[in-house]
């Protein structure tokens, strides 16, 4: 399913990091983080079009737990990547 693609992409982070370091090409990290964020955004927006793709499923706690775990995993990868660039990731964004 759609989640599997995001999981596979996030799982490549250690290899992307290693390859970028070995090749002295930090831009690879920025490109990867943008790709990961875009993939997450696409999956998140699928829930607007099709309720079965929503992250919170009131009638399926196991699926909700798994999808929240995916959110945490993606956020950890993005946060780690941002810190490598000296950027402190925000925990929450709010409208003023």
Protein backbone atom coordinates (compact mmCIF):
# COMPACT_ATOMS: atom_id res chain seq x y z
CA UNK A 1 0.00 0.00 0.00
CA UNK A 2 0.88 3.67 0.07
CA UNK A 3 2.33 3.40 3.57
CA UNK A 4 4.81 0.77 2.44
CA UNK A 5 6.45 3.14 -0.02
CA UNK A 6 6.94 5.73 2.71
CA UNK A 7 8.34 3.09 5.08
CA UNK A 8 10.79 1.88 2.44
CA UNK A 9 11.90 5.42 1.67
CA UNK A 10 12.44 6.31 5.35
CA UNK A 11 14.38 3.07 5.84
CA UNK A 12 16.96 4.18 3.26
CA UNK A 13 18.05 7.11 5.47
CA UNK A 14 21.14 5.40 6.96
CA UNK A 15 22.39 4.42 3.51
CA UNK A 16 21.72 7.88 2.06
CA UNK A 17 23.57 9.44 4.99
CA UNK A 18 26.53 7.10 4.55
CA UNK A 19 26.73 7.64 0.79
CA UNK A 20 26.52 11.41 1.17
CA UNK A 21 29.32 11.37 3.73
CA UNK A 22 31.56 9.11 1.67
CA UNK A 23 31.06 11.19 -1.47
CA UNK A 24 31.30 14.53 0.39
CA UNK A 25 27.94 15.49 -1.11
CA UNK A 26 25.74 16.97 1.63
CA UNK A 27 23.18 18.09 -0.95
CA UNK A 28 22.07 14.45 -1.17
CA UNK A 29 20.74 14.79 2.37
CA UNK A 30 18.73 17.88 1.53
CA UNK A 31 17.28 16.21 -1.56
CA UNK A 32 16.38 13.10 0.44
CA UNK A 33 14.69 15.10 3.20
CA UNK A 34 12.64 16.98 0.61
CA UNK A 35 11.65 13.70 -1.05
CA UNK A 36 10.67 12.15 2.28
CA UNK A 37 8.64 15.18 3.32
CA UNK A 38 6.87 15.22 -0.06
CA UNK A 39 6.07 11.50 0.19
CA UNK A 40 4.62 11.99 3.66
CA UNK A 41 2.61 14.99 2.48
CA UNK A 42 1.15 12.97 -0.42
CA UNK A 43 0.12 10.17 1.93
CA UNK A 44 -1.37 12.63 4.43
CA UNK A 45 -3.39 14.30 1.67
CA UNK A 46 -4.72 10.95 0.44
CA UNK A 47 -6.76 10.91 3.64
CA UNK A 48 -8.63 13.99 2.41
CA UNK A 49 -9.70 12.16 -0.74
CA UNK A 50 -10.17 8.67 0.67
CA UNK A 51 -11.05 8.09 4.36
CA UNK A 52 -9.28 4.71 4.40
CA UNK A 53 -5.96 6.57 4.17
CA UNK A 54 -6.54 8.74 7.23
CA UNK A 55 -3.96 8.28 9.95
CA UNK A 56 -6.48 8.18 12.77
CA UNK A 57 -8.97 5.35 12.28
CA UNK A 58 -11.48 5.36 15.18
CA UNK A 59 -12.61 1.81 14.43
CA UNK A 60 -9.13 0.30 14.01
CA UNK A 61 -6.77 0.99 16.89
CA UNK A 62 -4.05 -1.31 15.53
CA UNK A 63 -3.94 0.55 12.21
CA UNK A 64 -4.01 3.90 13.99
CA UNK A 65 -1.10 2.81 16.20
CA UNK A 66 0.89 1.64 13.17
CA UNK A 67 0.26 4.86 11.28
CA UNK A 68 1.16 7.02 14.26
CA UNK A 69 4.37 4.98 14.50
CA UNK A 70 5.04 5.83 10.87
CA UNK A 71 4.53 9.52 11.63
CA UNK A 72 7.03 9.25 14.49
CA UNK A 73 9.57 7.42 12.32
CA UNK A 74 9.36 9.97 9.52
CA UNK A 75 9.59 12.87 11.97
CA UNK A 76 12.69 11.36 13.59
CA UNK A 77 14.43 11.00 10.23
CA UNK A 78 13.54 14.55 9.19
CA UNK A 79 14.62 15.93 12.58
CA UNK A 80 17.95 14.09 12.39
CA UNK A 81 18.56 15.43 8.90
CA UNK A 82 17.71 18.98 9.87
CA UNK A 83 20.07 18.82 12.85
CA UNK A 84 22.90 17.79 10.52
CA UNK A 85 22.38 21.12 8.77
CA UNK A 86 22.34 22.98 12.08
CA UNK A 87 18.58 23.50 12.01
CA UNK A 88 16.58 22.94 15.17
CA UNK A 89 13.35 21.19 14.17
CA UNK A 90 10.13 22.53 15.63
CA UNK A 91 7.89 20.19 17.59
CA UNK A 92 4.66 21.86 16.56
CA UNK A 93 3.48 24.54 14.17
CA UNK A 94 0.61 26.82 15.12
CA UNK A 95 -1.14 29.68 13.43
CA UNK A 96 -0.82 32.96 15.29
